[in-house]
Amino acid sequence: MADYFVIDADSHVEEPEEAWDYLQPKYKERRPFPIQVPNRPVLANLNAFWWIDGVVHPKISGNNHTVFGTPPVSYHATHKKFSIGSQTLLDASARLKDMDAAGVDIQVNFPTVFLEELSEDIEFEADLMRSYNSWIHNACKTDPKRLKWGAIMPLRNVPAAVEELRRCRDLGAVTATIYGTVGEKMLDLPEFNPFFAEAEKLNFPVSAHTGWSHPGLRASGTTIMAAHTVTFTLPLLLGFYGVVAGGVLDRFPKLRISFLEAGADWLPYLLQRMDHYYHSEKAINRPGLPNRAPTEYLKDCEIYFTCEGDEKLLPEDLKWCGDDKMMISGDMPHAEARDNSITEIKERNDLSEAQKRKILGENAKKFFGL
């Protein structure tokens, strides 16, 4: 098998308590802390939660269902194949060994706990994000050539997000992390223009990640399966629509942006729908359309995606986004992390060697500016 230089464009940390060490003094009394719940009658392995402003996260029963592996003191976390030190990056050498075992040369890490909103107080939430960004910056110092990080952006507070984008770029983050919606707001709303303008000005890539960012969608999920397959994924598709068809790229044509962890098999379906309605609406002079057909933006704008190794439609996906715009998602140490994901790409007989090299590393190198 040929040698490949592999850049995992989407993995994670399970935040430890140390992630809150950088909170401003005025928020020290509101510092999140883990709680453990013994003897749960169902889902007994998910027995630890973050207590934040009197609310537990994740919410793993009823509606508004979410699920993730932090805080890393649950039975679920302590029985993963990855050590707690690796999951949290408190032992970066353990993570590096796990990367070696998976065949990963460089890994870009994103947060976990911010996959849902953490507080109605947007100033406090912004400081939680600032603290996390400062912590992950230091956690990756063990081997900054291999351990990269995406900074989480407090986009519910746009001025704070612009300031944090500048700060984290200077700290060494390789991308600014957002979600597909900001609450129930689409990314194309004018109030978010200052953030995208700053990212374009600084030539700093933006990564839109799957997550439970849309309260209305989140409220409709009542099971873990629904939380994983629907309410977690659909906000990213809304984000893609907002960026491509909502006018973000008309206003900021040099913006570099990626859409992470939803796979890529949704792309042909959604693009066909978007193009169909663009042309039908344009024919009757309806307002609110982008300057050109959605598929045209993928030809000359810097729009990237991540895939997983077993996606059946991957060759077709590449026809829509181009060979130069697809990256690999490892998702370590989350549930989707599989030892053979990268091997699956290497062993596929429906991809050329050039396509494999681009997916496994070359495209991520270009997107993140590595």
Foldseek 3Di string as FASTA:
>chain_A
DDAFAFEAEEAAAQAELQLLVQFDPVCPVQRKDKDFAAPDVPPRQPGMFIQGPNDTPPDAAFFLHDDDCPPCPGNVNPPFPQHNCLRHLVPVVSVVVVCVLLSHQAYEYEYDRVLEDRDPPLVNSLSSQVSNLVVLLVSCVVPVVRYAYEREASVVDQVSRLVVVVVSVVSHHLEHEDALAQAQHGCQPPVNLVVQVSCLVVVGAYEHEFGQRYVVLRRPDGHHVCNPQPNRQVSLVSSLCCCQWQCVCVVRVAHAYEYEDNAQPCPVVVLVVQQVVLVVCVVVPHPRTYPDRSLVSLVPGNYAYEHWLPDPCVVVSCVRNPLLHYAYHQHPPTPSHDSCRLVSLVPDPVDDPVSNNNHRPVNSCVRSVD
